[in-house]
Amino acid sequence: MQLDQTDKSILRILQKDALAKLKDISTSVNLSVSPTHDRIKRMEAEGVIQKYVALIDRKKMELGMVVFCHVTLDKQTKNNFAEFEQTILQFDEVVSCSLVSGSFDYYLKVVSKDVETYNKFYQEKLAVLPMVAHINSLFVMDEIKTTTSLPL
């Protein structure tokens, strides 16, 4: 799908505020309401806009700890990858999981209440997976930048 500058401007507005009023968006991009609405609906239909969500302050939900985990599987087989990925999808603590190249296989972002809660997750869920050979945990000291906005 080809996006023009007007489409990108609409997306930038929606990335900042998914509840922005259609009238305000159309004014910002110098279009009337109807073509602005049509553009948004087209981008939704074509999957450019996947969904609208609420961003929740994790600290206010008592999830103040962020840990990045480097996970190495014991064997890099199709079955191990598939089984690991299906299992990780079941762990609410894991908010992001990426298969990566390099010296480990997966890069996980885990949120938890505190060190004790993370340790319980680590010992009872992650480390007991039969295909996992090694886990390296990196505890976040401070978040400098966290955003969901893409550079458009």
N, C-alpha and C. Protein backbone atom coordinates (compact mmCIF):
# COMPACT_ATOMS: atom_id res chain seq x y z
N MET A 1 0.83 -1.19 0.00
CA MET A 1 0.00 0.00 0.00
C MET A 1 0.87 1.25 0.00
N GLN A 2 0.57 2.17 -0.88
CA GLN A 2 1.28 3.43 -0.95
C GLN A 2 0.64 4.43 0.02
N LEU A 3 1.45 5.01 0.88
CA LEU A 3 0.98 6.04 1.79
C LEU A 3 1.55 7.38 1.35
N ASP A 4 0.69 8.37 1.22
CA ASP A 4 1.18 9.70 0.89
C ASP A 4 1.43 10.47 2.19
N GLN A 5 1.88 11.71 2.07
CA GLN A 5 2.21 12.50 3.25
C GLN A 5 0.99 12.77 4.13
N THR A 6 -0.18 12.88 3.52
CA THR A 6 -1.40 13.10 4.29
C THR A 6 -1.72 11.86 5.14
N ASP A 7 -1.60 10.68 4.54
CA ASP A 7 -1.80 9.44 5.30
C ASP A 7 -0.83 9.38 6.48
N LYS A 8 0.43 9.70 6.23
CA LYS A 8 1.44 9.65 7.28
C LYS A 8 1.14 10.68 8.38
N SER A 9 0.63 11.83 7.98
CA SER A 9 0.26 12.85 8.97
C SER A 9 -0.88 12.35 9.85
N ILE A 10 -1.85 11.71 9.23
CA ILE A 10 -2.96 11.12 10.00
C ILE A 10 -2.43 10.07 10.97
N LEU A 11 -1.53 9.23 10.51
CA LEU A 11 -0.97 8.19 11.36
C LEU A 11 -0.18 8.78 12.53
N ARG A 12 0.57 9.85 12.26
CA ARG A 12 1.33 10.49 13.34
C ARG A 12 0.37 11.01 14.42
N ILE A 13 -0.74 11.59 14.01
CA ILE A 13 -1.73 12.09 14.97
C ILE A 13 -2.31 10.93 15.78
N LEU A 14 -2.69 9.86 15.09
CA LEU A 14 -3.29 8.71 15.78
C LEU A 14 -2.31 8.00 16.70
N GLN A 15 -1.02 8.01 16.34
CA GLN A 15 -0.02 7.40 17.22
C GLN A 15 0.09 8.17 18.53
N LYS A 16 -0.10 9.48 18.48
CA LYS A 16 -0.03 10.29 19.69
C LYS A 16 -1.32 10.20 20.49
N ASP A 17 -2.46 10.08 19.79
CA ASP A 17 -3.76 10.04 20.47
C ASP A 17 -4.75 9.28 19.60
N ALA A 18 -4.95 8.02 19.92
CA ALA A 18 -5.86 7.18 19.14
C ALA A 18 -7.32 7.63 19.29
N LEU A 19 -7.59 8.45 20.29
CA LEU A 19 -8.95 8.96 20.49
C LEU A 19 -9.14 10.36 19.92
N ALA A 20 -8.19 10.81 19.12
CA ALA A 20 -8.32 12.14 18.50
C ALA A 20 -9.62 12.21 17.71
N LYS A 21 -10.28 13.32 17.81
CA LYS A 21 -11.55 13.52 17.11
C LYS A 21 -11.30 13.65 15.61
N LEU A 22 -12.17 13.04 14.84
CA LEU A 22 -12.06 13.07 13.38
C LEU A 22 -12.00 14.50 12.87
N LYS A 23 -12.80 15.38 13.45
CA LYS A 23 -12.81 16.79 13.05
C LYS A 23 -11.43 17.44 13.27
N ASP A 24 -10.81 17.13 14.41
CA ASP A 24 -9.49 17.70 14.72
C ASP A 24 -8.42 17.15 13.78
N ILE A 25 -8.51 15.85 13.48
CA ILE A 25 -7.55 15.24 12.55
C ILE A 25 -7.69 15.88 11.18
N SER A 26 -8.93 16.00 10.70
CA SER A 26 -9.14 16.56 9.37
C SER A 26 -8.66 18.00 9.28
N THR A 27 -8.86 18.77 10.33
CA THR A 27 -8.37 20.15 10.36
C THR A 27 -6.84 20.17 10.29
N SER A 28 -6.20 19.28 11.03
CA SER A 28 -4.74 19.23 11.06
C SER A 28 -4.12 18.87 9.72
N VAL A 29 -4.82 18.04 8.93
CA VAL A 29 -4.27 17.60 7.65
C VAL A 29 -4.88 18.35 6.46
N ASN A 30 -5.67 19.36 6.76
CA ASN A 30 -6.29 20.21 5.73
C ASN A 30 -7.18 19.44 4.75
N LEU A 31 -7.99 18.54 5.31
CA LEU A 31 -9.00 17.83 4.53
C LEU A 31 -10.34 17.98 5.22
N SER A 32 -11.39 17.71 4.49
CA SER A 32 -12.70 17.68 5.14
C SER A 32 -12.82 16.36 5.89
N VAL A 33 -13.86 16.25 6.71
CA VAL A 33 -14.04 15.08 7.57
C VAL A 33 -14.20 13.80 6.76
N SER A 34 -15.00 13.83 5.69
CA SER A 34 -15.30 12.62 4.93
C SER A 34 -14.06 11.97 4.30
N PRO A 35 -13.22 12.70 3.57
CA PRO A 35 -12.02 12.05 3.02
C PRO A 35 -11.03 11.60 4.10
N THR A 36 -10.99 12.32 5.21
CA THR A 36 -10.13 11.90 6.32
C THR A 36 -10.63 10.57 6.87
N HIS A 37 -11.93 10.47 7.08
CA HIS A 37 -12.54 9.23 7.55
C HIS A 37 -12.27 8.09 6.57
N ASP A 38 -12.41 8.37 5.28
CA ASP A 38 -12.16 7.34 4.26
C ASP A 38 -10.71 6.85 4.30
N ARG A 39 -9.79 7.77 4.48
CA ARG A 39 -8.37 7.39 4.55
C ARG A 39 -8.11 6.50 5.78
N ILE A 40 -8.67 6.86 6.91
CA ILE A 40 -8.49 6.06 8.14
C ILE A 40 -9.09 4.67 7.94
N LYS A 41 -10.29 4.60 7.39
CA LYS A 41 -10.95 3.31 7.17
C LYS A 41 -10.14 2.45 6.19
N ARG A 42 -9.56 3.07 5.15
CA ARG A 42 -8.74 2.33 4.18
C ARG A 42 -7.50 1.78 4.86
N MET A 43 -6.86 2.59 5.71
CA MET A 43 -5.66 2.12 6.40
C MET A 43 -5.99 1.03 7.42
N GLU A 44 -7.16 1.09 8.01
CA GLU A 44 -7.60 0.01 8.91
C GLU A 44 -7.85 -1.26 8.10
N ALA A 45 -8.56 -1.14 6.99
CA ALA A 45 -8.90 -2.31 6.16
C ALA A 45 -7.66 -2.98 5.59
N GLU A 46 -6.65 -2.19 5.26
CA GLU A 46 -5.43 -2.74 4.67
C GLU A 46 -4.40 -3.16 5.72
N GLY A 47 -4.74 -3.02 6.99
CA GLY A 47 -3.87 -3.49 8.05
C GLY A 47 -2.75 -2.55 8.45
N VAL A 48 -2.72 -1.36 7.88
CA VAL A 48 -1.71 -0.37 8.31
C VAL A 48 -2.01 0.00 9.76
N ILE A 49 -3.26 0.28 10.05
CA ILE A 49 -3.71 0.48 11.43
C ILE A 49 -4.24 -0.87 11.90
N GLN A 50 -3.53 -1.49 12.82
CA GLN A 50 -3.90 -2.84 13.24
C GLN A 50 -5.00 -2.83 14.29
N LYS A 51 -4.88 -1.94 15.28
CA LYS A 51 -5.89 -1.85 16.33
C LYS A 51 -5.64 -0.61 17.16
N TYR A 52 -6.60 -0.30 18.00
CA TYR A 52 -6.49 0.83 18.92
C TYR A 52 -6.44 0.26 20.34
N VAL A 53 -5.48 0.73 21.14
CA VAL A 53 -5.29 0.19 22.48
C VAL A 53 -5.11 1.32 23.49
N ALA A 54 -5.28 0.97 24.76
CA ALA A 54 -4.96 1.89 25.85
C ALA A 54 -3.57 1.55 26.36
N LEU A 55 -2.73 2.54 26.52
CA LEU A 55 -1.40 2.34 27.08
C LEU A 55 -1.50 2.54 28.58
N ILE A 56 -1.16 1.51 29.33
CA ILE A 56 -1.34 1.51 30.78
C ILE A 56 0.01 1.73 31.46
N ASP A 57 0.02 2.56 32.48
CA ASP A 57 1.23 2.81 33.26
C ASP A 57 1.52 1.56 34.09
N ARG A 58 2.56 0.82 33.72
CA ARG A 58 2.84 -0.45 34.38
C ARG A 58 3.18 -0.26 35.86
N LYS A 59 3.77 0.86 36.22
CA LYS A 59 4.13 1.11 37.61
C LYS A 59 2.88 1.26 38.48
N LYS A 60 1.85 1.87 37.91
CA LYS A 60 0.60 2.02 38.66
C LYS A 60 -0.14 0.69 38.79
N MET A 61 0.28 -0.29 37.99
CA MET A 61 -0.28 -1.64 38.08
C MET A 61 0.63 -2.55 38.89
N GLU A 62 1.58 -1.95 39.63
CA GLU A 62 2.54 -2.67 40.45
C GLU A 62 3.40 -3.64 39.63
N LEU A 63 3.81 -3.18 38.45
CA LEU A 63 4.73 -3.93 37.60
C LEU A 63 5.95 -3.06 37.33
N GLY A 64 6.63 -2.70 38.40
CA GLY A 64 7.72 -1.73 38.33
C GLY A 64 9.04 -2.26 37.80
N MET A 65 9.17 -3.58 37.69
CA MET A 65 10.45 -4.13 37.24
C MET A 65 10.37 -4.58 35.79
N VAL A 66 11.40 -4.22 35.02
CA VAL A 66 11.54 -4.68 33.63
C VAL A 66 12.85 -5.45 33.55
N VAL A 67 12.77 -6.63 32.94
CA VAL A 67 13.94 -7.47 32.76
C VAL A 67 13.99 -7.91 31.30
N PHE A 68 15.16 -7.75 30.68
CA PHE A 68 15.38 -8.28 29.35
C PHE A 68 16.10 -9.61 29.51
N CYS A 69 15.64 -10.61 28.80
CA CYS A 69 16.23 -11.94 28.90
C CYS A 69 16.77 -12.37 27.55
N HIS A 70 18.00 -12.84 27.56
CA HIS A 70 18.59 -13.50 26.39
C HIS A 70 18.38 -14.99 26.63
N VAL A 71 17.67 -15.64 25.75
CA VAL A 71 17.39 -17.06 25.91
C VAL A 71 18.05 -17.85 24.78
N THR A 72 18.80 -18.87 25.17
CA THR A 72 19.44 -19.76 24.20
C THR A 72 18.81 -21.14 24.33
N LEU A 73 18.41 -21.70 23.20
CA LEU A 73 17.85 -23.04 23.21
C LEU A 73 18.96 -24.08 23.15
N ASP A 74 18.66 -25.28 23.65
CA ASP A 74 19.69 -26.32 23.64
C ASP A 74 20.00 -26.80 22.23
N LYS A 75 18.97 -26.86 21.38
CA LYS A 75 19.17 -27.21 19.97
C LYS A 75 18.30 -26.30 19.13
N GLN A 76 18.86 -25.77 18.05
CA GLN A 76 18.13 -24.86 17.18
C GLN A 76 17.38 -25.67 16.11
N THR A 77 16.32 -26.34 16.55
CA THR A 77 15.51 -27.13 15.63
C THR A 77 14.16 -26.47 15.45
N LYS A 78 13.51 -26.79 14.36
CA LYS A 78 12.19 -26.23 14.07
C LYS A 78 11.21 -26.53 15.20
N ASN A 79 11.25 -27.75 15.71
CA ASN A 79 10.35 -28.14 16.79
C ASN A 79 10.62 -27.36 18.07
N ASN A 80 11.89 -27.18 18.41
CA ASN A 80 12.23 -26.40 19.61
C ASN A 80 11.76 -24.96 19.49
N PHE A 81 12.02 -24.35 18.33
CA PHE A 81 11.56 -22.98 18.12
C PHE A 81 10.05 -22.89 18.27
N ALA A 82 9.33 -23.77 17.61
CA ALA A 82 7.86 -23.75 17.64
C ALA A 82 7.34 -23.97 19.06
N GLU A 83 7.90 -24.94 19.76
CA GLU A 83 7.44 -25.24 21.12
C GLU A 83 7.73 -24.08 22.06
N PHE A 84 8.92 -23.50 21.96
CA PHE A 84 9.28 -22.35 22.80
C PHE A 84 8.33 -21.19 22.54
N GLU A 85 8.11 -20.88 21.29
CA GLU A 85 7.26 -19.74 20.93
C GLU A 85 5.82 -19.94 21.41
N GLN A 86 5.29 -21.15 21.24
CA GLN A 86 3.92 -21.42 21.71
C GLN A 86 3.82 -21.30 23.23
N THR A 87 4.86 -21.72 23.92
CA THR A 87 4.86 -21.62 25.38
C THR A 87 4.95 -20.17 25.83
N ILE A 88 5.84 -19.41 25.22
CA ILE A 88 6.03 -18.00 25.59
C ILE A 88 4.74 -17.21 25.41
N LEU A 89 3.96 -17.54 24.40
CA LEU A 89 2.68 -16.85 24.18
C LEU A 89 1.74 -16.98 25.37
N GLN A 90 1.93 -17.99 26.20
CA GLN A 90 1.08 -18.22 27.36
C GLN A 90 1.52 -17.44 28.60
N PHE A 91 2.70 -16.83 28.57
CA PHE A 91 3.24 -16.14 29.73
C PHE A 91 2.89 -14.65 29.68
N ASP A 92 1.98 -14.22 30.53
CA ASP A 92 1.57 -12.81 30.56
C ASP A 92 2.72 -11.89 30.94
N GLU A 93 3.67 -12.38 31.69
CA GLU A 93 4.82 -11.57 32.11
C GLU A 93 5.68 -11.14 30.93
N VAL A 94 5.67 -11.93 29.87
CA VAL A 94 6.48 -11.61 28.68
C VAL A 94 5.66 -10.68 27.79
N VAL A 95 6.11 -9.43 27.68
CA VAL A 95 5.38 -8.45 26.87
C VAL A 95 5.96 -8.32 25.46
N SER A 96 7.14 -8.90 25.25
CA SER A 96 7.75 -8.88 23.92
C SER A 96 8.71 -10.06 23.81
N CYS A 97 8.69 -10.71 22.65
CA CYS A 97 9.60 -11.83 22.39
C CYS A 97 10.00 -11.77 20.93
N SER A 98 11.31 -11.75 20.69
CA SER A 98 11.83 -11.69 19.33
C SER A 98 12.86 -12.78 19.11
N LEU A 99 12.76 -13.45 17.98
CA LEU A 99 13.80 -14.38 17.54
C LEU A 99 14.90 -13.53 16.92
N VAL A 100 16.14 -13.71 17.37
CA VAL A 100 17.23 -12.84 16.93
C VAL A 100 18.41 -13.66 16.41
N SER A 101 19.30 -12.98 15.71
CA SER A 101 20.56 -13.60 15.31
C SER A 101 21.60 -13.26 16.37
N GLY A 102 22.69 -13.97 16.36
CA GLY A 102 23.76 -13.66 17.30
C GLY A 102 24.04 -14.80 18.26
N SER A 103 24.49 -14.44 19.45
CA SER A 103 24.95 -15.45 20.41
C SER A 103 23.84 -16.07 21.26
N PHE A 104 22.61 -15.61 21.09
CA PHE A 104 21.47 -16.23 21.76
C PHE A 104 20.31 -16.24 20.77
N ASP A 105 19.23 -16.93 21.11
CA ASP A 105 18.15 -17.15 20.15
C ASP A 105 16.97 -16.18 20.30
N TYR A 106 16.60 -15.86 21.53
CA TYR A 106 15.42 -15.03 21.77
C TYR A 106 15.76 -13.88 22.70
N TYR A 107 15.09 -12.77 22.44
CA TYR A 107 15.21 -11.56 23.26
C TYR A 107 13.83 -11.29 23.83
N LEU A 108 13.70 -11.43 25.15
CA LEU A 108 12.41 -11.26 25.81
C LEU A 108 12.41 -9.99 26.65
N LYS A 109 11.25 -9.34 26.70
CA LYS A 109 11.03 -8.25 27.65
C LYS A 109 9.99 -8.76 28.62
N VAL A 110 10.37 -8.77 29.89
CA VAL A 110 9.52 -9.31 30.95
C VAL A 110 9.23 -8.20 31.95
N VAL A 111 7.97 -8.11 32.38
CA VAL A 111 7.61 -7.17 33.44
C VAL A 111 7.17 -7.95 34.67
N SER A 112 7.53 -7.42 35.84
CA SER A 112 7.12 -8.07 37.08
C SER A 112 7.03 -7.02 38.18
N LYS A 113 6.46 -7.45 39.30
CA LYS A 113 6.30 -6.54 40.43
C LYS A 113 7.64 -6.17 41.04
N ASP A 114 8.50 -7.19 41.23
CA ASP A 114 9.77 -6.98 41.93
C ASP A 114 10.71 -8.16 41.63
N VAL A 115 11.87 -8.16 42.26
CA VAL A 115 12.85 -9.21 42.02
C VAL A 115 12.30 -10.58 42.41
N GLU A 116 11.61 -10.65 43.52
CA GLU A 116 11.07 -11.92 43.98
C GLU A 116 10.06 -12.48 42.99
N THR A 117 9.21 -11.63 42.47
CA THR A 117 8.21 -12.06 41.48
C THR A 117 8.89 -12.51 40.20
N TYR A 118 9.91 -11.77 39.77
CA TYR A 118 10.65 -12.19 38.58
C TYR A 118 11.34 -13.53 38.83
N ASN A 119 11.95 -13.70 39.98
CA ASN A 119 12.65 -14.94 40.29
C ASN A 119 11.68 -16.13 40.25
N LYS A 120 10.48 -15.93 40.73
CA LYS A 120 9.47 -16.99 40.68
C LYS A 120 9.13 -17.34 39.23
N PHE A 121 8.94 -16.31 38.40
CA PHE A 121 8.69 -16.52 36.97
C PHE A 121 9.86 -17.28 36.34
N TYR A 122 11.07 -16.82 36.64
CA TYR A 122 12.28 -17.42 36.09
C TYR A 122 12.39 -18.90 36.47
N GLN A 123 12.24 -19.18 37.75
CA GLN A 123 12.45 -20.54 38.24
C GLN A 123 11.30 -21.49 37.90
N GLU A 124 10.06 -20.99 37.93
CA GLU A 124 8.91 -21.87 37.77
C GLU A 124 8.35 -21.95 36.36
N LYS A 125 8.69 -20.96 35.52
CA LYS A 125 8.15 -20.97 34.17
C LYS A 125 9.22 -21.05 33.10
N LEU A 126 10.17 -20.10 33.13
CA LEU A 126 11.12 -19.99 32.03
C LEU A 126 12.24 -21.04 32.10
N ALA A 127 12.89 -21.15 33.23
CA ALA A 127 14.05 -22.04 33.34
C ALA A 127 13.68 -23.52 33.28
N VAL A 128 12.43 -23.85 33.51
CA VAL A 128 12.03 -25.27 33.50
C VAL A 128 11.65 -25.76 32.10
N LEU A 129 11.63 -24.88 31.12
CA LEU A 129 11.31 -25.31 29.76
C LEU A 129 12.41 -26.25 29.26
N PRO A 130 12.04 -27.41 28.78
CA PRO A 130 13.05 -28.42 28.43
C PRO A 130 13.99 -28.02 27.29
N MET A 131 13.54 -27.13 26.41
CA MET A 131 14.39 -26.75 25.28
C MET A 131 15.33 -25.59 25.60
N VAL A 132 15.20 -24.99 26.79
CA VAL A 132 16.03 -23.85 27.17
C VAL A 132 17.35 -24.32 27.77
N ALA A 133 18.44 -23.85 27.18
CA ALA A 133 19.77 -24.21 27.66
C ALA A 133 20.37 -23.13 28.56
N HIS A 134 20.10 -21.85 28.24
CA HIS A 134 20.73 -20.76 28.98
C HIS A 134 19.83 -19.52 28.95
N ILE A 135 19.81 -18.81 30.08
CA ILE A 135 19.07 -17.55 30.19
C ILE A 135 20.00 -16.52 30.82
N ASN A 136 20.10 -15.37 30.20
CA ASN A 136 20.85 -14.26 30.76
C ASN A 136 19.85 -13.14 31.04
N SER A 137 19.72 -12.72 32.29
CA SER A 137 18.75 -11.69 32.67
C SER A 137 19.44 -10.35 32.87
N LEU A 138 18.89 -9.32 32.26
CA LEU A 138 19.40 -7.96 32.37
C LEU A 138 18.31 -7.11 33.04
N PHE A 139 18.59 -6.61 34.23
CA PHE A 139 17.61 -5.84 34.97
C PHE A 139 17.72 -4.36 34.59
N VAL A 140 16.60 -3.78 34.20
CA VAL A 140 16.58 -2.38 33.78
C VAL A 140 16.70 -1.48 35.00
N MET A 141 17.67 -0.59 34.95
CA MET A 141 17.89 0.36 36.05
C MET A 141 17.00 1.60 35.88
N ASP A 142 16.87 2.04 34.61
CA ASP A 142 16.05 3.22 34.32
C ASP A 142 15.67 3.18 32.85
N GLU A 143 14.45 3.51 32.53
CA GLU A 143 14.02 3.58 31.13
C GLU A 143 14.20 5.01 30.63
N ILE A 144 15.01 5.15 29.62
CA ILE A 144 15.30 6.47 29.07
C ILE A 144 14.26 6.84 28.01
N LYS A 145 13.91 5.89 27.18
CA LYS A 145 12.90 6.13 26.15
C LYS A 145 12.09 4.86 25.93
N THR A 146 10.80 5.00 26.01
CA THR A 146 9.87 3.92 25.68
C THR A 146 8.74 4.55 24.90
N THR A 147 8.53 4.06 23.70
CA THR A 147 7.47 4.62 22.86
C THR A 147 6.84 3.52 22.02
N THR A 148 5.62 3.75 21.60
CA THR A 148 4.97 2.85 20.66
C THR A 148 4.89 3.50 19.28
N SER A 149 5.32 4.75 19.18
CA SER A 149 5.24 5.49 17.93
C SER A 149 6.36 5.11 16.97
N LEU A 150 5.99 4.86 15.72
CA LEU A 150 6.96 4.59 14.68
C LEU A 150 7.38 5.89 14.01
N PRO A 151 8.63 5.98 13.53
CA PRO A 151 9.06 7.19 12.82
C PRO A 151 8.48 7.22 11.40
N LEU A 152 7.56 8.10 11.17
CA LEU A 152 6.91 8.19 9.84
C LEU A 152 7.35 9.42 9.08
